[in-house]
Amino acid sequence: MGLTGASAILQIHPSRRCNLRCRHCYSSSGPWIADTTDLEVLRRTVADARGLGYDVLAVSGGEPLLFRELLPLLRHAHELGMRTAVTTNGLLLTERRLSELVGLVDVLAISLDGRPETHNWMRDDRRAFGQMSSRLPAVRDSGIAFAFITTLTLHNVHELEFVFQLAAEYGAALVQVHPLEPDGAGAALRTSVPDSTELGFAFFETTRLSVVHDIPVQIDLVTQKDLRSAPDRFLVAPRDPRASLASWLTPLVLETDGTVVPLSYGFGRDYALGNVQDAPLAALAERWDSEPLQRQARALYDELVRDDVKFTNWYERMTRRSTVRATATWR
């Protein structure tokens, strides 16, 4: 199974429209971006993904709460027996909106990037933290399980304490720590990407805070122990051609333009399964040649083990290698 654990995740980005223009946005979403995927295309793709073994639908964006067809999409996933997650900046989580989401969303992931001043700077809006935090009592009272997802930079590991304190105050079920990735708008923050030392500090600090506040934590890092003890999790083991796609590849990502890529939004197009505007996901998966992806994974695995890298963001490293290859091929 993939690095995300026992769940096989279909991650979709149905729209790039957003009410913020965050400095670190991997998809360069914003208020004036109108890109949207047709609901019927999404419904067919979700159904195909379920047939391939995917059991979680994770909706991101853009801001998913601005996608007009979000509720029927979530309902469709539940009817297929999938669990659902929605990642949101939290600004639109009014009591009315939360009442609509009850029973359709299994987990809300709310973005929180540190203390108010840091959060507002990252979101490029001085009102972002105040408006988001004002929604938290209603989120807690809604009964929907929620998590905070925080972006780790080179400069904010000391603010993780604040994130955990807020999580404890409002009853968050989880804190997810995700290292900054220099993609999309985030390319301008390349010098703020955490280095290996900062990743190490963050790993131990989140472990400590998880115990202190009794809140589970997911930190999107791979350790040398992970690499050596379970190499099959890093796509290096021979693949049974009869195995379902979901049994070894997660997440599978549907971008707003219909392109399906492995592992992460913005993954190199050389590795894409294809576009669901051209053919159903089931057909794309059947004819996809996964060997280039696995070859890249084996090369990265060998590099990380050889260099004895203690902490790394494996998904980011895979994505970086995929786009470097794409650039070289284009040239």
C-alpha atoms as a PDB file:
ATOM      1  CA  MET A   1       0.000   0.000   0.000  1.00  0.00           C
ATOM      2  CA  GLY A   2       1.107   3.549  -0.575  1.00  0.00           C
ATOM      3  CA  LEU A   3       2.577   5.980   1.894  1.00  0.00           C
ATOM      4  CA  THR A   4      -0.824   7.269   2.898  1.00  0.00           C
ATOM      5  CA  GLY A   5      -1.557   4.018   4.701  1.00  0.00           C
ATOM      6  CA  ALA A   6      -4.469   1.649   4.431  1.00  0.00           C
ATOM      7  CA  SER A   7      -6.686   3.974   2.380  1.00  0.00           C
ATOM      8  CA  ALA A   8      -6.619   4.266  -1.393  1.00  0.00           C
ATOM      9  CA  ILE A   9      -7.322   7.907  -2.196  1.00  0.00           C
ATOM     10  CA  LEU A  10      -8.739   9.569  -5.278  1.00  0.00           C
ATOM     11  CA  GLN A  11      -7.849  13.240  -4.913  1.00  0.00           C
ATOM     12  CA  ILE A  12      -9.782  15.615  -7.157  1.00  0.00           C
ATOM     13  CA  HIS A  13      -9.480  19.319  -7.845  1.00  0.00           C
ATOM     14  CA  PRO A  14     -12.859  20.184  -9.384  1.00  0.00           C
ATOM     15  CA  SER A  15     -12.197  23.931  -9.553  1.00  0.00           C
ATOM     16  CA  ARG A  16      -9.310  26.368  -9.241  1.00  0.00           C
ATOM     17  CA  ARG A  17     -11.574  29.165  -8.101  1.00  0.00           C
ATOM     18  CA  CYS A  18     -10.702  30.368  -4.592  1.00  0.00           C
ATOM     19  CA  ASN A  19     -11.570  33.264  -2.303  1.00  0.00           C
ATOM     20  CA  LEU A  20      -7.874  33.680  -1.414  1.00  0.00           C
ATOM     21  CA  ARG A  21      -4.618  33.914  -3.338  1.00  0.00           C
ATOM     22  CA  CYS A  22      -2.280  32.060  -1.004  1.00  0.00           C
ATOM     23  CA  ARG A  23       1.423  32.607  -1.475  1.00  0.00           C
ATOM     24  CA  HIS A  24       2.144  28.875  -1.344  1.00  0.00           C
ATOM     25  CA  CYS A  25      -0.729  27.601  -3.519  1.00  0.00           C
ATOM     26  CA  TYR A  26       0.491  24.646  -5.595  1.00  0.00           C
ATOM     27  CA  SER A  27      -2.310  25.120  -8.165  1.00  0.00           C
ATOM     28  CA  SER A  28      -2.060  28.927  -8.441  1.00  0.00           C
ATOM     29  CA  SER A  29      -5.775  29.204  -7.665  1.00  0.00           C
ATOM     30  CA  GLY A  30      -7.533  32.506  -7.034  1.00  0.00           C
ATOM     31  CA  PRO A  31     -10.729  34.570  -7.175  1.00  0.00           C
ATOM     32  CA  TRP A  32     -10.509  35.150 -10.927  1.00  0.00           C
ATOM     33  CA  ILE A  33      -9.702  31.583 -11.955  1.00  0.00           C
ATOM     34  CA  ALA A  34     -12.834  30.101 -13.531  1.00  0.00           C
ATOM     35  CA  ASP A  35     -11.524  26.619 -14.414  1.00  0.00           C
ATOM     36  CA  THR A  36     -14.066  23.951 -13.413  1.00  0.00           C
ATOM     37  CA  THR A  37     -14.647  20.274 -14.195  1.00  0.00           C
ATOM     38  CA  ASP A  38     -18.114  19.169 -15.309  1.00  0.00           C
ATOM     39  CA  LEU A  39     -20.053  17.266 -12.637  1.00  0.00           C
ATOM     40  CA  GLU A  40     -20.928  14.345 -14.917  1.00  0.00           C
ATOM     41  CA  VAL A  41     -17.266  13.853 -15.766  1.00  0.00           C
ATOM     42  CA  LEU A  42     -16.477  13.846 -12.044  1.00  0.00           C
ATOM     43  CA  ARG A  43     -19.262  11.388 -11.263  1.00  0.00           C
ATOM     44  CA  ARG A  44     -18.076   8.941 -13.918  1.00  0.00           C
ATOM     45  CA  THR A  45     -14.490   9.265 -12.760  1.00  0.00           C
ATOM     46  CA  VAL A  46     -15.367   8.678  -9.120  1.00  0.00           C
ATOM     47  CA  ALA A  47     -17.397   5.591 -10.091  1.00  0.00           C
ATOM     48  CA  ASP A  48     -14.494   4.268 -12.174  1.00  0.00           C
ATOM     49  CA  ALA A  49     -12.075   4.925  -9.315  1.00  0.00           C
ATOM     50  CA  ARG A  50     -14.313   2.970  -6.968  1.00  0.00           C
ATOM     51  CA  GLY A  51     -14.223   0.097  -9.424  1.00  0.00           C
ATOM     52  CA  LEU A  52     -10.421   0.251  -9.375  1.00  0.00           C
ATOM     53  CA  GLY A  53     -10.454  -0.089  -5.587  1.00  0.00           C
ATOM     54  CA  TYR A  54     -10.229   3.517  -4.385  1.00  0.00           C
ATOM     55  CA  ASP A  55     -12.197   3.959  -1.171  1.00  0.00           C
ATOM     56  CA  VAL A  56     -11.619   7.616  -0.246  1.00  0.00           C
ATOM     57  CA  LEU A  57     -12.602  10.710  -2.221  1.00  0.00           C
ATOM     58  CA  ALA A  58     -10.524  13.739  -1.184  1.00  0.00           C
ATOM     59  CA  VAL A  59     -11.703  17.055  -2.630  1.00  0.00           C
ATOM     60  CA  SER A  60      -9.303  19.979  -2.815  1.00  0.00           C
ATOM     61  CA  GLY A  61      -8.974  22.953  -5.112  1.00  0.00           C
ATOM     62  CA  GLY A  62      -9.152  25.917  -5.297  1.00  0.00           C
ATOM     63  CA  GLU A  63     -11.632  26.277  -2.491  1.00  0.00           C
ATOM     64  CA  PRO A  64     -14.025  23.307  -2.695  1.00  0.00           C
ATOM     65  CA  LEU A  65     -16.823  25.204  -0.933  1.00  0.00           C
ATOM     66  CA  LEU A  66     -17.013  27.491  -3.970  1.00  0.00           C
ATOM     67  CA  PHE A  67     -17.655  24.525  -6.261  1.00  0.00           C
ATOM     68  CA  ARG A  68     -21.411  24.587  -6.820  1.00  0.00           C
ATOM     69  CA  GLU A  69     -21.707  20.843  -7.354  1.00  0.00           C
ATOM     70  CA  LEU A  70     -19.772  19.829  -4.250  1.00  0.00           C
ATOM     71  CA  LEU A  71     -22.752  18.371  -2.375  1.00  0.00           C
ATOM     72  CA  PRO A  72     -23.989  16.054  -5.163  1.00  0.00           C
ATOM     73  CA  LEU A  73     -20.402  14.962  -5.775  1.00  0.00           C
ATOM     74  CA  LEU A  74     -19.934  14.021  -2.114  1.00  0.00           C
ATOM     75  CA  ARG A  75     -23.321  12.314  -2.044  1.00  0.00           C
ATOM     76  CA  HIS A  76     -22.372  10.268  -5.104  1.00  0.00           C
ATOM     77  CA  ALA A  77     -19.155   9.124  -3.421  1.00  0.00           C
ATOM     78  CA  HIS A  78     -21.040   8.058  -0.304  1.00  0.00           C
ATOM     79  CA  GLU A  79     -23.563   6.147  -2.396  1.00  0.00           C
ATOM     80  CA  LEU A  80     -20.627   4.234  -3.855  1.00  0.00           C
ATOM     81  CA  GLY A  81     -19.404   3.368  -0.371  1.00  0.00           C
ATOM     82  CA  MET A  82     -16.464   5.783  -0.311  1.00  0.00           C
ATOM     83  CA  ARG A  83     -15.398   7.950   2.591  1.00  0.00           C
ATOM     84  CA  THR A  84     -14.968  11.650   1.876  1.00  0.00           C
ATOM     85  CA  ALA A  85     -12.598  14.422   2.885  1.00  0.00           C
ATOM     86  CA  VAL A  86     -12.653  18.106   1.967  1.00  0.00           C
ATOM     87  CA  THR A  87      -9.677  20.465   2.316  1.00  0.00           C
ATOM     88  CA  THR A  88     -10.744  24.066   2.917  1.00  0.00           C
ATOM     89  CA  ASN A  89      -9.347  27.394   4.058  1.00  0.00           C
ATOM     90  CA  GLY A  90     -12.278  27.499   6.485  1.00  0.00           C
ATOM     91  CA  LEU A  91     -13.529  30.981   5.682  1.00  0.00           C
ATOM     92  CA  LEU A  92     -16.878  29.777   4.327  1.00  0.00           C
ATOM     93  CA  LEU A  93     -17.751  27.278   7.052  1.00  0.00           C
ATOM     94  CA  THR A  94     -20.904  29.013   8.230  1.00  0.00           C
ATOM     95  CA  GLU A  95     -23.480  27.149  10.305  1.00  0.00           C
ATOM     96  CA  ARG A  96     -25.698  26.814   7.228  1.00  0.00           C
ATOM     97  CA  ARG A  97     -22.891  25.407   5.112  1.00  0.00           C
ATOM     98  CA  LEU A  98     -21.860  23.015   7.851  1.00  0.00           C
ATOM     99  CA  SER A  99     -25.431  21.750   8.174  1.00  0.00           C
ATOM    100  CA  GLU A 100     -25.332  20.902   4.458  1.00  0.00           C
ATOM    101  CA  LEU A 101     -22.073  19.004   4.868  1.00  0.00           C
ATOM    102  CA  VAL A 102     -23.203  16.892   7.817  1.00  0.00           C
ATOM    103  CA  GLY A 103     -23.537  13.306   6.658  1.00  0.00           C
ATOM    104  CA  LEU A 104     -21.657  13.987   3.414  1.00  0.00           C
ATOM    105  CA  VAL A 105     -18.165  14.835   4.685  1.00  0.00           C
ATOM    106  CA  ASP A 106     -16.311  12.393   6.893  1.00  0.00           C
ATOM    107  CA  VAL A 107     -13.326  14.673   7.532  1.00  0.00           C
ATOM    108  CA  LEU A 108     -12.806  18.408   7.065  1.00  0.00           C
ATOM    109  CA  ALA A 109      -9.155  19.427   6.679  1.00  0.00           C
ATOM    110  CA  ILE A 110      -8.812  23.102   7.613  1.00  0.00           C
ATOM    111  CA  SER A 111      -5.666  24.995   6.658  1.00  0.00           C
ATOM    112  CA  LEU A 112      -3.779  26.678   9.509  1.00  0.00           C
ATOM    113  CA  ASP A 113      -0.264  27.929   8.867  1.00  0.00           C
ATOM    114  CA  GLY A 114       0.866  28.961  12.345  1.00  0.00           C
ATOM    115  CA  ARG A 115       0.174  32.012  14.465  1.00  0.00           C
ATOM    116  CA  PRO A 116      -2.293  34.645  13.196  1.00  0.00           C
ATOM    117  CA  GLU A 117       0.345  36.898  11.651  1.00  0.00           C
ATOM    118  CA  THR A 118       2.051  33.990   9.872  1.00  0.00           C
ATOM    119  CA  HIS A 119      -1.257  32.550   8.684  1.00  0.00           C
ATOM    120  CA  ASN A 120      -2.406  35.923   7.344  1.00  0.00           C
ATOM    121  CA  TRP A 121       0.885  36.484   5.534  1.00  0.00           C
ATOM    122  CA  MET A 122       0.786  33.039   3.928  1.00  0.00           C
ATOM    123  CA  ARG A 123      -2.852  33.565   2.909  1.00  0.00           C
ATOM    124  CA  ASP A 124      -2.084  37.113   1.702  1.00  0.00           C
ATOM    125  CA  ASP A 125      -5.118  38.425   3.597  1.00  0.00           C
ATOM    126  CA  ARG A 126      -5.018  40.182   6.966  1.00  0.00           C
ATOM    127  CA  ARG A 127      -8.508  38.868   7.789  1.00  0.00           C
ATOM    128  CA  ALA A 128      -7.818  35.210   7.019  1.00  0.00           C
ATOM    129  CA  PHE A 129      -7.029  33.943  10.515  1.00  0.00           C
ATOM    130  CA  GLY A 130      -9.760  35.948  12.235  1.00  0.00           C
ATOM    131  CA  GLN A 131     -12.447  34.753   9.850  1.00  0.00           C
ATOM    132  CA  MET A 132     -11.276  31.146   9.863  1.00  0.00           C
ATOM    133  CA  SER A 133     -10.976  30.960  13.649  1.00  0.00           C
ATOM    134  CA  SER A 134     -14.425  32.514  14.089  1.00  0.00           C
ATOM    135  CA  ARG A 135     -15.849  29.452  12.293  1.00  0.00           C
ATOM    136  CA  LEU A 136     -14.227  26.911  14.612  1.00  0.00           C
ATOM    137  CA  PRO A 137     -16.944  26.854  17.321  1.00  0.00           C
ATOM    138  CA  ALA A 138     -19.529  25.985  14.661  1.00  0.00           C
ATOM    139  CA  VAL A 139     -17.221  23.358  13.181  1.00  0.00           C
ATOM    140  CA  ARG A 140     -16.783  21.772  16.599  1.00  0.00           C
ATOM    141  CA  ASP A 141     -20.520  21.859  17.278  1.00  0.00           C
ATOM    142  CA  SER A 142     -21.394  20.367  13.875  1.00  0.00           C
ATOM    143  CA  GLY A 143     -20.052  16.967  14.871  1.00  0.00           C
ATOM    144  CA  ILE A 144     -18.026  16.665  11.643  1.00  0.00           C
ATOM    145  CA  ALA A 145     -14.568  15.289  12.360  1.00  0.00           C
ATOM    146  CA  PHE A 146     -11.933  17.836  11.396  1.00  0.00           C
ATOM    147  CA  ALA A 147      -8.186  18.212  11.228  1.00  0.00           C
ATOM    148  CA  PHE A 148      -5.781  21.084  10.886  1.00  0.00           C
ATOM    149  CA  ILE A 149      -3.316  20.887   8.013  1.00  0.00           C
ATOM    150  CA  THR A 150      -0.325  23.164   8.445  1.00  0.00           C
ATOM    151  CA  THR A 151       2.422  24.045   5.987  1.00  0.00           C
ATOM    152  CA  LEU A 152       5.915  23.652   7.404  1.00  0.00           C
ATOM    153  CA  THR A 153       8.481  26.178   6.156  1.00  0.00           C
ATOM    154  CA  LEU A 154      12.076  26.923   7.026  1.00  0.00           C
ATOM    155  CA  HIS A 155      10.870  29.495   9.554  1.00  0.00           C
ATOM    156  CA  ASN A 156       7.820  28.258  11.452  1.00  0.00           C
ATOM    157  CA  VAL A 157       8.624  25.026  13.296  1.00  0.00           C
ATOM    158  CA  HIS A 158       8.344  26.964  16.587  1.00  0.00           C
ATOM    159  CA  GLU A 159       4.713  27.781  15.706  1.00  0.00           C
ATOM    160  CA  LEU A 160       3.618  24.152  15.739  1.00  0.00           C
ATOM    161  CA  GLU A 161       2.887  24.570  19.453  1.00  0.00           C
ATOM    162  CA  PHE A 162       0.229  27.157  18.590  1.00  0.00           C
ATOM    163  CA  VAL A 163      -1.321  24.838  15.996  1.00  0.00           C
ATOM    164  CA  PHE A 164      -1.595  21.977  18.495  1.00  0.00           C
ATOM    165  CA  GLN A 165      -2.987  24.263  21.191  1.00  0.00           C
ATOM    166  CA  LEU A 166      -5.740  25.438  18.855  1.00  0.00           C
ATOM    167  CA  ALA A 167      -6.405  21.852  17.814  1.00  0.00           C
ATOM    168  CA  ALA A 168      -6.780  20.822  21.454  1.00  0.00           C
ATOM    169  CA  GLU A 169      -9.016  23.803  22.231  1.00  0.00           C
ATOM    170  CA  TYR A 170     -11.526  22.980  19.493  1.00  0.00           C
ATOM    171  CA  GLY A 171     -11.292  19.193  19.499  1.00  0.00           C
ATOM    172  CA  ALA A 172      -9.504  18.511  16.227  1.00  0.00           C
ATOM    173  CA  ALA A 173      -9.115  14.813  15.498  1.00  0.00           C
ATOM    174  CA  LEU A 174      -5.716  15.188  13.813  1.00  0.00           C
ATOM    175  CA  VAL A 175      -2.927  17.600  12.933  1.00  0.00           C
ATOM    176  CA  GLN A 176      -1.268  17.089   9.564  1.00  0.00           C
ATOM    177  CA  VAL A 177       2.092  18.753   8.932  1.00  0.00           C
ATOM    178  CA  HIS A 178       3.031  19.122   5.281  1.00  0.00           C
ATOM    179  CA  PRO A 179       6.371  20.601   4.179  1.00  0.00           C
ATOM    180  CA  LEU A 180       6.178  23.563   1.795  1.00  0.00           C
ATOM    181  CA  GLU A 181       6.529  22.548  -1.833  1.00  0.00           C
ATOM    182  CA  PRO A 182       7.753  25.150  -4.365  1.00  0.00           C
ATOM    183  CA  ASP A 183       5.041  24.559  -6.957  1.00  0.00           C
ATOM    184  CA  GLY A 184       2.577  26.957  -8.573  1.00  0.00           C
ATOM    185  CA  ALA A 185       2.520  30.225  -6.635  1.00  0.00           C
ATOM    186  CA  GLY A 186       4.791  28.552  -4.089  1.00  0.00           C
ATOM    187  CA  ALA A 187       7.693  28.696  -6.524  1.00  0.00           C
ATOM    188  CA  ALA A 188       8.324  32.219  -5.246  1.00  0.00           C
ATOM    189  CA  LEU A 189       8.958  30.765  -1.763  1.00  0.00           C
ATOM    190  CA  ARG A 190      11.686  28.384  -2.851  1.00  0.00           C
ATOM    191  CA  THR A 191      14.114  29.748  -0.255  1.00  0.00           C
ATOM    192  CA  SER A 192      11.578  28.966   2.492  1.00  0.00           C
ATOM    193  CA  VAL A 193      11.407  25.229   1.764  1.00  0.00           C
ATOM    194  CA  PRO A 194      12.517  23.435   4.963  1.00  0.00           C
ATOM    195  CA  ASP A 195      15.924  21.814   4.782  1.00  0.00           C
ATOM    196  CA  SER A 196      16.810  18.421   6.252  1.00  0.00           C
ATOM    197  CA  THR A 197      17.717  19.956   9.623  1.00  0.00           C
ATOM    198  CA  GLU A 198      14.380  21.728   9.893  1.00  0.00           C
ATOM    199  CA  LEU A 199      12.567  18.572   8.838  1.00  0.00           C
ATOM    200  CA  GLY A 200      14.301  16.718  11.637  1.00  0.00           C
ATOM    201  CA  PHE A 201      13.344  19.342  14.222  1.00  0.00           C
ATOM    202  CA  ALA A 202       9.762  19.273  12.953  1.00  0.00           C
ATOM    203  CA  PHE A 203       9.600  15.490  13.161  1.00  0.00           C
ATOM    204  CA  PHE A 204      10.608  15.394  16.818  1.00  0.00           C
ATOM    205  CA  GLU A 205       8.583  18.465  17.768  1.00  0.00           C
ATOM    206  CA  THR A 206       5.374  17.115  16.267  1.00  0.00           C
ATOM    207  CA  THR A 207       5.958  13.789  17.997  1.00  0.00           C
ATOM    208  CA  ARG A 208       6.349  15.604  21.314  1.00  0.00           C
ATOM    209  CA  LEU A 209       3.319  17.823  20.796  1.00  0.00           C
ATOM    210  CA  SER A 210       1.192  14.867  19.782  1.00  0.00           C
ATOM    211  CA  VAL A 211       1.899  13.254  23.161  1.00  0.00           C
ATOM    212  CA  VAL A 212       1.524  16.463  25.172  1.00  0.00           C
ATOM    213  CA  HIS A 213      -1.844  17.360  23.636  1.00  0.00           C
ATOM    214  CA  ASP A 214      -3.042  13.789  23.019  1.00  0.00           C
ATOM    215  CA  ILE A 215      -3.760  14.525  19.363  1.00  0.00           C
ATOM    216  CA  PRO A 216      -2.713  12.167  16.547  1.00  0.00           C
ATOM    217  CA  VAL A 217      -0.320  13.678  14.048  1.00  0.00           C
ATOM    218  CA  GLN A 218       0.501  12.939  10.433  1.00  0.00           C
ATOM    219  CA  ILE A 219       3.762  14.455   9.269  1.00  0.00           C
ATOM    220  CA  ASP A 220       4.368  14.008   5.563  1.00  0.00           C
ATOM    221  CA  LEU A 221       7.966  12.885   5.894  1.00  0.00           C
ATOM    222  CA  VAL A 222       9.816   9.671   5.238  1.00  0.00           C
ATOM    223  CA  THR A 223      12.620   8.493   7.481  1.00  0.00           C
ATOM    224  CA  GLN A 224      15.545   6.239   6.679  1.00  0.00           C
ATOM    225  CA  LYS A 225      13.899   3.601   8.874  1.00  0.00           C
ATOM    226  CA  ASP A 226      10.762   3.782   6.694  1.00  0.00           C
ATOM    227  CA  LEU A 227      12.816   3.317   3.559  1.00  0.00           C
ATOM    228  CA  ARG A 228      14.739   0.314   4.787  1.00  0.00           C
ATOM    229  CA  SER A 229      11.933  -1.471   6.623  1.00  0.00           C
ATOM    230  CA  ALA A 230       9.205  -1.230   3.972  1.00  0.00           C
ATOM    231  CA  PRO A 231      10.640  -0.632   0.481  1.00  0.00           C
ATOM    232  CA  ASP A 232       7.417  -1.878  -1.125  1.00  0.00           C
ATOM    233  CA  ARG A 233       5.681   1.283   0.131  1.00  0.00           C
ATOM    234  CA  PHE A 234       7.900   3.312  -2.203  1.00  0.00           C
ATOM    235  CA  LEU A 235       6.870   1.582  -5.431  1.00  0.00           C
ATOM    236  CA  VAL A 236      10.128  -0.329  -5.796  1.00  0.00           C
ATOM    237  CA  ALA A 237       8.758  -3.866  -5.499  1.00  0.00           C
ATOM    238  CA  PRO A 238       7.778  -5.809  -8.628  1.00  0.00           C
ATOM    239  CA  ARG A 239       4.099  -5.219  -9.346  1.00  0.00           C
ATOM    240  CA  ASP A 240       1.594  -7.996  -9.886  1.00  0.00           C
ATOM    241  CA  PRO A 241      -0.043  -7.083 -13.233  1.00  0.00           C
ATOM    242  CA  ARG A 242      -3.305  -8.570 -11.941  1.00  0.00           C
ATOM    243  CA  ALA A 243      -3.397  -6.260  -8.913  1.00  0.00           C
ATOM    244  CA  SER A 244      -5.841  -3.348  -8.928  1.00  0.00           C
ATOM    245  CA  LEU A 245      -4.416   0.137  -9.358  1.00  0.00           C
ATOM    246  CA  ALA A 246      -5.601   1.174  -5.897  1.00  0.00           C
ATOM    247  CA  SER A 247      -3.727  -1.703  -4.272  1.00  0.00           C
ATOM    248  CA  TRP A 248      -0.369  -0.044  -4.986  1.00  0.00           C
ATOM    249  CA  LEU A 249      -0.860   3.568  -6.142  1.00  0.00           C
ATOM    250  CA  THR A 250      -2.274   6.255  -3.864  1.00  0.00           C
ATOM    251  CA  PRO A 251      -3.196   8.978  -4.183  1.00  0.00           C
ATOM    252  CA  LEU A 252      -4.462   9.123  -7.733  1.00  0.00           C
ATOM    253  CA  VAL A 253      -5.007  12.758  -8.685  1.00  0.00           C
ATOM    254  CA  LEU A 254      -7.578  14.297 -11.023  1.00  0.00           C
ATOM    255  CA  GLU A 255      -6.590  17.837 -11.980  1.00  0.00           C
ATOM    256  CA  THR A 256      -9.122  20.471 -12.989  1.00  0.00           C
ATOM    257  CA  ASP A 257      -8.465  20.105 -16.715  1.00  0.00           C
ATOM    258  CA  GLY A 258      -9.252  16.373 -16.542  1.00  0.00           C
ATOM    259  CA  THR A 259      -5.677  15.102 -16.494  1.00  0.00           C
ATOM    260  CA  VAL A 260      -5.072  12.118 -14.219  1.00  0.00           C
ATOM    261  CA  VAL A 261      -1.627  11.909 -12.620  1.00  0.00           C
ATOM    262  CA  PRO A 262      -0.063   9.722  -9.938  1.00  0.00           C
ATOM    263  CA  LEU A 263       0.839  10.841  -6.434  1.00  0.00           C
ATOM    264  CA  SER A 264       0.600  14.645  -6.518  1.00  0.00           C
ATOM    265  CA  TYR A 265      -0.986  17.627  -8.255  1.00  0.00           C
ATOM    266  CA  GLY A 266       1.405  18.925 -10.891  1.00  0.00           C
ATOM    267  CA  PHE A 267       3.154  15.581 -11.404  1.00  0.00           C
ATOM    268  CA  GLY A 268       5.011  15.479 -14.707  1.00  0.00           C
ATOM    269  CA  ARG A 269       2.730  14.964 -17.682  1.00  0.00           C
ATOM    270  CA  ASP A 270       5.075  12.291 -19.042  1.00  0.00           C
ATOM    271  CA  TYR A 271       3.679  10.049 -16.302  1.00  0.00           C
ATOM    272  CA  ALA A 272      -0.005  10.942 -16.670  1.00  0.00           C
ATOM    273  CA  LEU A 273      -2.576   8.220 -17.198  1.00  0.00           C
ATOM    274  CA  GLY A 274      -4.356  10.502 -19.677  1.00  0.00           C
ATOM    275  CA  ASN A 275      -7.362  12.805 -19.624  1.00  0.00           C
ATOM    276  CA  VAL A 276     -10.870  11.764 -18.572  1.00  0.00           C
ATOM    277  CA  GLN A 277     -12.268  14.209 -21.121  1.00  0.00           C
ATOM    278  CA  ASP A 278     -10.879  11.853 -23.780  1.00  0.00           C
ATOM    279  CA  ALA A 279     -11.565   8.428 -22.242  1.00  0.00           C
ATOM    280  CA  PRO A 280     -13.003   6.986 -19.021  1.00  0.00           C
ATOM    281  CA  LEU A 281     -10.637   6.507 -16.105  1.00  0.00           C
ATOM    282  CA  ALA A 282     -11.090   2.732 -16.259  1.00  0.00           C
ATOM    283  CA  ALA A 283      -9.821   2.713 -19.854  1.00  0.00           C
ATOM    284  CA  LEU A 284      -6.935   5.051 -19.056  1.00  0.00           C
ATOM    285  CA  ALA A 285      -5.858   2.843 -16.155  1.00  0.00           C
ATOM    286  CA  GLU A 286      -6.034  -0.323 -18.232  1.00  0.00           C
ATOM    287  CA  ARG A 287      -3.685   0.929 -20.921  1.00  0.00           C
ATOM    288  CA  TRP A 288      -1.349   3.001 -18.712  1.00  0.00           C
ATOM    289  CA  ASP A 289       2.297   1.954 -18.661  1.00  0.00           C
ATOM    290  CA  SER A 290       3.382   2.331 -15.030  1.00  0.00           C
ATOM    291  CA  GLU A 291       6.962   1.234 -15.617  1.00  0.00           C
ATOM    292  CA  PRO A 292       8.406   4.779 -16.070  1.00  0.00           C
ATOM    293  CA  LEU A 293       6.913   5.793 -12.694  1.00  0.00           C
ATOM    294  CA  GLN A 294       8.280   2.711 -10.973  1.00  0.00           C
ATOM    295  CA  ARG A 295      11.661   3.191 -12.618  1.00  0.00           C
ATOM    296  CA  GLN A 296      11.785   6.732 -11.265  1.00  0.00           C
ATOM    297  CA  ALA A 297      10.736   5.487  -7.815  1.00  0.00           C
ATOM    298  CA  ARG A 298      13.502   2.881  -7.789  1.00  0.00           C
ATOM    299  CA  ALA A 299      16.087   5.498  -8.742  1.00  0.00           C
ATOM    300  CA  LEU A 300      14.953   7.842  -5.973  1.00  0.00           C
ATOM    301  CA  TYR A 301      14.865   5.011  -3.441  1.00  0.00           C
ATOM    302  CA  ASP A 302      18.424   3.976  -4.269  1.00  0.00           C
ATOM    303  CA  GLU A 303      19.568   7.593  -3.993  1.00  0.00           C
ATOM    304  CA  LEU A 304      17.950   8.173  -0.602  1.00  0.00           C
ATOM    305  CA  VAL A 305      19.271   4.927   0.861  1.00  0.00           C
ATOM    306  CA  ARG A 306      22.767   5.433  -0.577  1.00  0.00           C
ATOM    307  CA  ASP A 307      23.013   8.988   0.760  1.00  0.00           C
ATOM    308  CA  ASP A 308      21.493   7.928   4.104  1.00  0.00           C
ATOM    309  CA  VAL A 309      18.968  10.793   3.980  1.00  0.00           C
ATOM    310  CA  LYS A 310      17.406  10.978   7.442  1.00  0.00           C
ATOM    311  CA  PHE A 311      14.187  12.869   6.647  1.00  0.00           C
ATOM    312  CA  THR A 312      12.653  13.658   3.282  1.00  0.00           C
ATOM    313  CA  ASN A 313       9.369  14.609   1.643  1.00  0.00           C
ATOM    314  CA  TRP A 314       9.140  11.615  -0.684  1.00  0.00           C
ATOM    315  CA  TYR A 315       6.146  12.902  -2.662  1.00  0.00           C
ATOM    316  CA  GLU A 316       7.855  16.232  -3.305  1.00  0.00           C
ATOM    317  CA  ARG A 317      11.059  14.506  -4.394  1.00  0.00           C
ATOM    318  CA  MET A 318       9.117  12.250  -6.758  1.00  0.00           C
ATOM    319  CA  THR A 319       7.225  15.222  -8.201  1.00  0.00           C
ATOM    320  CA  ARG A 320      10.431  17.217  -8.656  1.00  0.00           C
ATOM    321  CA  ARG A 321      12.090  14.372 -10.547  1.00  0.00           C
ATOM    322  CA  SER A 322       9.032  13.950 -12.775  1.00  0.00           C
ATOM    323  CA  THR A 323       8.960  17.608 -13.790  1.00  0.00           C
ATOM    324  CA  VAL A 324      12.710  17.736 -14.367  1.00  0.00           C
ATOM    325  CA  ARG A 325      12.368  14.835 -16.776  1.00  0.00           C
ATOM    326  CA  ALA A 326       9.455  16.545 -18.503  1.00  0.00           C
ATOM    327  CA  THR A 327      11.460  19.745 -18.909  1.00  0.00           C
ATOM    328  CA  ALA A 328      14.451  17.881 -20.287  1.00  0.00           C
ATOM    329  CA  THR A 329      12.231  15.989 -22.741  1.00  0.00           C
ATOM    330  CA  TRP A 330      10.596  19.218 -23.933  1.00  0.00           C
ATOM    331  CA  ARG A 331      13.963  20.817 -24.567  1.00  0.00           C
END
